Amino acid sequence: MKATQILHEHGQSLWLDNITRGMLDSGQIQQYIDKYSVTGLTSNPSIFDKAIESGYYDDAIRQKSATGCSDEELFVELAIEDLRRAADEFLPVHERTDGVDGWVSLEVSPLLAFDTAATIEAAKTLHAKAARSNVMIKIPGTAEGRPAITECVASGVPVNVTLLFSPEQYEAAADAYLAAVERRLDHQLDPAVGSVASVFMSRWDDAVATRVPEELKDQLGLAVGLATYRAYRRLMDSDRVQRVQNSGGRIQRLLWASTRTKDPAASDTLYVHGLAAPFTINTMPDTTLQAFYDHGEIGEPMPADGDDCDAMLARFRDAGVDEAALAAKLQSDGAKKFVAAWNDLVERISAQRAAVA
């Protein structure tokens, strides 16, 4: 039995962090579902940027350009078409798991990351356009994003909270989600609105690679993961979550993101086997998924009590790493990277429109 299937049977969902129209047309997405035990999908502007550069979307771009839409509007139309198809392929999983799994994610414009009202409007519009029950809208877990998360979930829009890095940022996102579910319960609405909290892992180790002793390299991400998983398990057992679940609501699942190993000297499945835990999700690019399928190993699942994460984090503090300050910087830098990727994508659309005109 392959490692991907074993991990799935141990209770962790494997999602693919990639989508292109070529993958849909060739049946590759369905193959990942059937052969690799993949049960969901995430997307981002960088992925679409590369696919559009390849020329695969030229016919669609030429056709849609005739409508007079803006470059950004054209991209949204292309992305929604792809995400609808992906959502349809994952729908059997979604129905089989009663809405727990089988989700695909579509990102709201990162240009709106610090505008709560605009994010709310854009998220609701995107979800309505997608017109699929298993589409989540990605909203950053920034201070400005959290009220948008609450409002959108309260309105029935499933949300993938992105750009989370620390246990504290995760807990703030979970609070925003639970506040929305409690609001729905107060108004006698169905509380079972899907949501995941995406915590980015590899960027921790990348950020300190040249600042810590050799014996601490590639260990900060997993230590933060352990601390975040401990916070997740404590929340699962809390009175607040138990009350919500007793009324038909669900907890927001924890998702490990940014799981491609950036250090060529480290294991290419470091953030897969190191973050194995039931009732969580690991979303990974093709290369990481294929590596884990090919030679992945599964050890003991993550301990609910965080094991020795406090001692490990103390070693990083002794080495001069301020976790709270670094988490804030990673989130801020991540938001800027999202904006840069979005702008690059819109420029790519513009260039491609001109090329096919």
Protein backbone atom coordinates (compact mmCIF):
# COMPACT_ATOMS: atom_id res chain seq x y z
CA MET A 1 0.00 0.00 0.00
CA LYS A 2 1.36 3.43 -0.95
CA ALA A 3 2.20 6.02 1.70
CA THR A 4 -0.47 8.39 0.40
CA GLN A 5 -3.21 5.83 0.96
CA ILE A 6 -1.86 4.87 4.38
CA LEU A 7 -1.82 8.52 5.46
CA HIS A 8 -5.38 8.95 4.19
CA GLU A 9 -6.51 5.87 6.12
CA HIS A 10 -4.83 7.28 9.24
CA GLY A 11 -7.27 10.19 9.00
CA GLN A 12 -5.38 12.97 7.25
CA SER A 13 -6.69 14.49 4.02
CA LEU A 14 -4.26 15.03 1.16
CA TRP A 15 -5.06 17.99 -1.04
CA LEU A 16 -3.31 19.09 -4.23
CA ASP A 17 -1.88 22.61 -4.31
CA ASN A 18 -2.14 22.99 -8.07
CA ILE A 19 -4.65 23.27 -10.87
CA THR A 20 -4.42 24.00 -14.59
CA ARG A 21 -6.85 23.49 -17.43
CA GLY A 22 -4.36 21.08 -18.98
CA MET A 23 -4.48 18.90 -15.85
CA LEU A 24 -8.25 18.84 -16.06
CA ASP A 25 -8.32 18.08 -19.80
CA SER A 26 -5.76 15.27 -19.52
CA GLY A 27 -7.49 13.59 -16.58
CA GLN A 28 -4.54 14.18 -14.25
CA ILE A 29 -6.70 15.62 -11.47
CA GLN A 30 -8.94 12.54 -11.58
CA GLN A 31 -5.85 10.34 -11.51
CA TYR A 32 -4.67 12.06 -8.35
CA ILE A 33 -8.08 11.37 -6.82
CA ASP A 34 -8.16 7.72 -7.87
CA LYS A 35 -4.51 6.76 -7.45
CA TYR A 36 -3.00 9.19 -4.93
CA SER A 37 -5.90 9.43 -2.44
CA VAL A 38 -6.22 13.18 -3.04
CA THR A 39 -9.48 14.55 -1.63
CA GLY A 40 -9.31 18.29 -2.25
CA LEU A 41 -7.51 21.09 -4.04
CA THR A 42 -6.11 24.58 -3.47
CA SER A 43 -5.07 27.16 -6.07
CA ASN A 44 -3.17 30.45 -6.16
CA PRO A 45 -2.25 33.14 -8.71
CA SER A 46 1.31 31.86 -9.24
CA ILE A 47 -0.05 28.52 -10.45
CA PHE A 48 -2.34 30.20 -12.99
CA ASP A 49 0.44 32.57 -14.06
CA LYS A 50 2.67 29.70 -15.18
CA ALA A 51 -0.19 27.91 -16.91
CA ILE A 52 -1.25 31.01 -18.84
CA GLU A 53 2.36 31.67 -19.89
CA SER A 54 2.42 28.20 -21.48
CA GLY A 55 -0.18 29.32 -24.02
CA TYR A 56 -2.72 26.68 -23.02
CA TYR A 57 -5.36 29.34 -22.33
CA ASP A 58 -4.81 31.33 -25.52
CA ASP A 59 -8.04 30.30 -27.24
CA ALA A 60 -10.09 31.07 -24.13
CA ILE A 61 -8.31 34.42 -23.69
CA ARG A 62 -8.98 35.36 -27.32
CA GLN A 63 -12.65 34.48 -26.97
CA LYS A 64 -13.19 36.29 -23.68
CA SER A 65 -11.25 39.37 -24.77
CA ALA A 66 -14.04 40.08 -27.24
CA THR A 67 -16.41 40.80 -24.34
CA GLY A 68 -14.42 43.87 -23.32
CA CYS A 69 -13.71 42.66 -19.80
CA SER A 70 -10.69 43.88 -17.83
CA ASP A 71 -7.57 41.75 -17.40
CA GLU A 72 -8.54 40.93 -13.82
CA GLU A 73 -12.11 40.08 -14.79
CA LEU A 74 -10.81 37.82 -17.55
CA PHE A 75 -8.61 35.92 -15.10
CA VAL A 76 -11.50 35.47 -12.65
CA GLU A 77 -13.62 33.99 -15.43
CA LEU A 78 -10.84 31.55 -16.41
CA ALA A 79 -10.22 30.56 -12.81
CA ILE A 80 -13.89 30.02 -12.02
CA GLU A 81 -14.31 27.80 -15.08
CA ASP A 82 -11.39 25.62 -13.92
CA LEU A 83 -12.50 25.55 -10.29
CA ARG A 84 -16.04 24.54 -11.28
CA ARG A 85 -14.66 21.58 -13.20
CA ALA A 86 -12.40 20.61 -10.31
CA ALA A 87 -15.29 20.97 -7.87
CA ASP A 88 -17.36 18.60 -9.98
CA GLU A 89 -14.56 16.02 -9.93
CA PHE A 90 -14.30 16.25 -6.15
CA LEU A 91 -18.08 16.30 -5.61
CA PRO A 92 -18.33 12.51 -4.98
CA VAL A 93 -15.79 12.90 -2.16
CA HIS A 94 -17.71 15.88 -0.82
CA GLU A 95 -20.98 13.96 -0.79
CA ARG A 96 -19.43 10.76 0.59
CA THR A 97 -17.92 12.66 3.55
CA ASP A 98 -21.06 14.73 4.16
CA GLY A 99 -19.23 17.95 3.35
CA VAL A 100 -16.17 17.35 5.50
CA ASP A 101 -13.85 16.87 2.51
CA GLY A 102 -13.85 17.28 -1.27
CA TRP A 103 -13.32 21.05 -1.28
CA VAL A 104 -11.57 23.27 -3.82
CA SER A 105 -10.39 26.80 -3.01
CA LEU A 106 -10.54 30.04 -5.00
CA GLU A 107 -8.68 33.14 -3.87
CA VAL A 108 -10.18 36.59 -3.37
CA SER A 109 -7.97 39.35 -4.78
CA PRO A 110 -5.03 39.92 -2.40
CA LEU A 111 -5.20 43.61 -3.31
CA LEU A 112 -8.15 43.69 -0.88
CA ALA A 113 -6.29 42.05 2.02
CA PHE A 114 -6.49 45.17 4.19
CA ASP A 115 -9.99 46.26 3.14
CA THR A 116 -12.57 44.34 5.16
CA ALA A 117 -15.70 45.55 3.37
CA ALA A 118 -14.27 44.99 -0.09
CA THR A 119 -13.09 41.51 0.86
CA ILE A 120 -16.57 40.59 2.10
CA GLU A 121 -18.20 41.79 -1.11
CA ALA A 122 -15.63 40.07 -3.34
CA ALA A 123 -15.83 36.76 -1.44
CA LYS A 124 -19.62 36.65 -1.64
CA THR A 125 -19.54 37.52 -5.35
CA LEU A 126 -16.92 34.87 -6.13
CA HIS A 127 -18.82 32.17 -4.26
CA ALA A 128 -22.05 33.03 -6.04
CA LYS A 129 -20.30 32.99 -9.43
CA ALA A 130 -18.65 29.65 -8.75
CA ALA A 131 -22.10 28.16 -8.06
CA ARG A 132 -20.72 24.99 -6.48
CA SER A 133 -21.42 23.75 -2.96
CA ASN A 134 -17.84 22.55 -2.46
CA VAL A 135 -15.97 25.76 -3.33
CA MET A 136 -14.20 27.63 -0.54
CA ILE A 137 -13.11 31.24 -0.85
CA LYS A 138 -9.62 32.04 0.41
CA ILE A 139 -9.41 35.05 2.75
CA PRO A 140 -6.19 36.12 4.53
CA GLY A 141 -6.20 35.72 8.30
CA THR A 142 -4.96 39.27 8.85
CA ALA A 143 -6.49 41.64 11.39
CA GLU A 144 -8.59 43.14 8.58
CA GLY A 145 -9.41 39.71 7.17
CA ARG A 146 -10.82 38.22 10.37
CA PRO A 147 -14.03 40.31 10.44
CA ALA A 148 -14.51 39.38 6.77
CA ILE A 149 -14.15 35.69 7.70
CA THR A 150 -16.84 36.04 10.35
CA GLU A 151 -19.22 37.92 8.06
CA CYS A 152 -18.74 35.55 5.13
CA VAL A 153 -19.17 32.35 7.14
CA ALA A 154 -22.18 33.87 8.92
CA SER A 155 -23.63 34.46 5.43
CA GLY A 156 -23.04 30.82 4.50
CA VAL A 157 -19.86 31.27 2.43
CA PRO A 158 -17.27 28.50 3.08
CA VAL A 159 -13.86 30.04 3.81
CA ASN A 160 -10.26 28.89 3.57
CA VAL A 161 -8.34 31.18 5.94
CA THR A 162 -4.86 31.72 4.49
CA LEU A 163 -1.61 33.35 5.59
CA LEU A 164 -1.52 31.88 9.09
CA PHE A 165 1.85 31.11 10.61
CA SER A 166 1.63 30.69 14.40
CA PRO A 167 -0.62 29.10 17.03
CA GLU A 168 -1.80 32.58 18.00
CA GLN A 169 -2.74 33.49 14.43
CA TYR A 170 -4.50 30.15 14.07
CA GLU A 171 -6.47 30.70 17.28
CA ALA A 172 -7.57 34.15 16.09
CA ALA A 173 -8.81 32.64 12.81
CA ALA A 174 -10.62 29.86 14.66
CA ASP A 175 -12.29 32.44 16.92
CA ALA A 176 -13.47 34.40 13.86
CA TYR A 177 -14.95 31.22 12.41
CA LEU A 178 -16.65 30.10 15.62
CA ALA A 179 -18.15 33.55 16.14
CA ALA A 180 -19.80 33.20 12.72
CA VAL A 181 -21.13 29.71 13.49
CA GLU A 182 -22.53 30.94 16.81
CA ARG A 183 -24.22 33.81 15.00
CA ARG A 184 -25.86 31.33 12.62
CA LEU A 185 -27.07 29.27 15.56
CA ASP A 186 -28.54 32.39 17.17
CA HIS A 187 -30.50 32.98 13.96
CA GLN A 188 -31.53 29.31 13.66
CA LEU A 189 -29.52 28.81 10.47
CA ASP A 190 -27.62 25.67 9.50
CA PRO A 191 -24.29 25.95 11.39
CA ALA A 192 -22.40 23.44 9.21
CA VAL A 193 -20.47 25.88 7.00
CA GLY A 194 -17.16 24.48 5.82
CA SER A 195 -13.87 26.16 6.70
CA VAL A 196 -10.17 25.37 7.00
CA ALA A 197 -7.33 27.29 8.66
CA SER A 198 -4.20 27.19 6.47
CA VAL A 199 -0.95 27.41 8.43
CA PHE A 200 2.18 27.94 6.28
CA MET A 201 5.11 25.78 7.33
CA SER A 202 8.27 25.81 5.18
CA ARG A 203 8.62 29.59 5.26
CA TRP A 204 9.62 29.39 8.93
CA ASP A 205 12.72 27.35 8.16
CA ASP A 206 13.51 29.36 5.05
CA ALA A 207 13.42 32.58 7.09
CA VAL A 208 15.98 31.42 9.68
CA ALA A 209 18.16 29.16 7.50
CA THR A 210 21.19 31.47 7.74
CA ARG A 211 20.56 32.61 11.32
CA VAL A 212 20.55 29.43 13.39
CA PRO A 213 23.14 26.74 14.19
CA GLU A 214 23.33 23.73 11.88
CA GLU A 215 21.66 21.45 14.44
CA LEU A 216 18.53 23.65 14.40
CA LYS A 217 18.10 23.89 10.63
CA ASP A 218 14.79 22.65 9.24
CA GLN A 219 13.28 22.17 12.70
CA LEU A 220 11.48 25.44 13.39
CA GLY A 221 8.54 24.74 11.05
CA LEU A 222 7.81 21.38 12.63
CA ALA A 223 8.14 22.82 16.15
CA VAL A 224 5.65 25.57 15.30
CA GLY A 225 3.44 22.89 13.72
CA LEU A 226 3.46 20.88 16.94
CA ALA A 227 2.51 23.95 18.97
CA THR A 228 -0.27 24.80 16.50
CA TYR A 229 -1.59 21.26 16.51
CA ARG A 230 -1.67 21.35 20.32
CA ALA A 231 -3.75 24.54 20.17
CA TYR A 232 -6.05 22.85 17.63
CA ARG A 233 -6.59 19.79 19.81
CA ARG A 234 -7.22 21.92 22.89
CA LEU A 235 -9.82 23.91 20.97
CA MET A 236 -11.46 20.69 19.76
CA ASP A 237 -11.90 19.62 23.38
CA SER A 238 -13.10 23.03 24.61
CA ASP A 239 -16.59 23.66 25.97
CA ARG A 240 -17.16 26.22 23.22
CA VAL A 241 -16.55 23.77 20.39
CA GLN A 242 -18.46 21.01 22.14
CA ARG A 243 -21.51 23.29 22.39
CA VAL A 244 -21.24 24.17 18.69
CA GLN A 245 -20.89 20.53 17.68
CA ASN A 246 -23.79 19.54 19.91
CA SER A 247 -25.93 21.97 17.90
CA GLY A 248 -24.83 20.59 14.54
CA GLY A 249 -21.82 22.83 13.87
CA ARG A 250 -18.32 21.72 12.96
CA ILE A 251 -14.82 22.73 13.89
CA GLN A 252 -12.70 24.52 11.33
CA ARG A 253 -10.14 21.95 10.19
CA LEU A 254 -6.44 22.66 10.43
CA LEU A 255 -4.59 22.65 7.09
CA TRP A 256 -0.83 22.50 6.59
CA ALA A 257 0.19 24.72 3.66
CA SER A 258 3.52 25.66 2.06
CA THR A 259 4.72 22.09 2.47
CA ARG A 260 7.29 21.95 -0.32
CA THR A 261 10.75 21.50 1.19
CA LYS A 262 12.89 24.48 0.24
CA ASP A 263 16.21 23.19 1.63
CA PRO A 264 17.74 20.82 -0.96
CA ALA A 265 19.68 19.11 1.83
CA ALA A 266 16.51 18.15 3.71
CA SER A 267 13.98 15.40 3.03
CA ASP A 268 11.64 16.24 0.16
CA THR A 269 8.73 14.99 2.29
CA LEU A 270 9.78 16.73 5.52
CA TYR A 271 6.51 18.65 5.90
CA VAL A 272 4.37 15.62 5.07
CA HIS A 273 5.66 12.85 7.33
CA GLY A 274 6.51 15.46 9.99
CA LEU A 275 2.95 16.83 10.08
CA ALA A 276 0.91 13.63 9.96
CA ALA A 277 -2.14 13.92 12.20
CA PRO A 278 -5.78 12.80 12.06
CA PHE A 279 -8.53 15.26 11.12
CA THR A 280 -6.06 17.64 9.50
CA ILE A 281 -5.22 18.41 5.86
CA ASN A 282 -1.92 18.64 4.06
CA THR A 283 -2.03 20.50 0.75
CA MET A 284 1.05 20.01 -1.41
CA PRO A 285 2.32 20.67 -4.93
CA ASP A 286 2.64 17.86 -7.46
CA THR A 287 6.34 17.29 -6.82
CA THR A 288 5.85 16.78 -3.09
CA LEU A 289 2.78 14.60 -3.59
CA GLN A 290 4.59 12.41 -6.11
CA ALA A 291 7.67 12.16 -3.87
CA PHE A 292 5.54 11.05 -0.93
CA TYR A 293 3.67 8.57 -3.11
CA ASP A 294 6.98 7.20 -4.39
CA HIS A 295 9.08 6.92 -1.21
CA GLY A 296 7.17 8.50 1.66
CA GLU A 297 7.31 7.01 5.13
CA ILE A 298 4.78 7.33 7.92
CA GLY A 299 5.79 7.24 11.57
CA GLU A 300 3.84 8.09 14.69
CA PRO A 301 1.17 10.79 14.35
CA MET A 302 1.75 14.20 15.91
CA PRO A 303 1.19 14.12 19.68
CA ALA A 304 -1.84 16.08 20.86
CA ASP A 305 0.14 17.59 23.75
CA GLY A 306 2.83 19.06 21.52
CA ASP A 307 5.49 16.75 22.94
CA ASP A 308 8.76 18.70 23.29
CA CYS A 309 7.82 21.66 21.07
CA ASP A 310 8.25 24.14 23.94
CA ALA A 311 11.80 22.96 24.59
CA MET A 312 12.61 23.14 20.87
CA LEU A 313 11.12 26.62 20.53
CA ALA A 314 13.15 27.71 23.58
CA ARG A 315 16.31 26.63 21.75
CA PHE A 316 15.38 28.88 18.85
CA ARG A 317 14.77 31.77 21.24
CA ASP A 318 18.21 31.16 22.72
CA ALA A 319 19.54 31.38 19.16
CA GLY A 320 17.97 34.82 18.77
CA VAL A 321 14.68 33.94 17.04
CA ASP A 322 11.66 35.93 18.25
CA GLU A 323 8.73 33.72 17.19
CA ALA A 324 6.01 36.32 17.64
CA ALA A 325 7.91 38.98 15.70
CA LEU A 326 8.83 36.49 12.98
CA ALA A 327 5.23 35.25 12.66
CA ALA A 328 4.03 38.84 12.19
CA LYS A 329 6.74 39.47 9.60
CA LEU A 330 5.98 36.26 7.73
CA GLN A 331 2.31 37.20 7.54
CA SER A 332 3.09 40.74 6.39
CA ASP A 333 5.66 39.54 3.85
CA GLY A 334 3.24 36.82 2.70
CA ALA A 335 0.54 39.40 2.00
CA LYS A 336 3.04 41.40 -0.08
CA LYS A 337 4.07 38.28 -2.00
CA PHE A 338 0.42 37.51 -2.73
CA VAL A 339 -0.04 41.04 -4.12
CA ALA A 340 3.11 40.74 -6.24
CA ALA A 341 1.97 37.37 -7.61
CA TRP A 342 -1.48 38.79 -8.40
CA ASN A 343 0.01 41.79 -10.21
CA ASP A 344 2.33 39.50 -12.17
CA LEU A 345 -0.66 37.40 -13.17
CA VAL A 346 -2.67 40.39 -14.36
CA GLU A 347 0.35 41.57 -16.37
CA ARG A 348 0.64 38.08 -17.85
CA ILE A 349 -3.03 38.20 -18.89
CA SER A 350 -2.48 41.57 -20.53
CA ALA A 351 0.58 40.37 -22.43
CA GLN A 352 -1.15 37.21 -23.54
CA ARG A 353 -4.20 39.14 -24.73
CA ALA A 354 -1.95 41.27 -26.86
CA ALA A 355 -0.15 38.22 -28.21
CA VAL A 356 -3.32 36.45 -29.34
CA ALA A 357 -5.19 39.53 -30.56
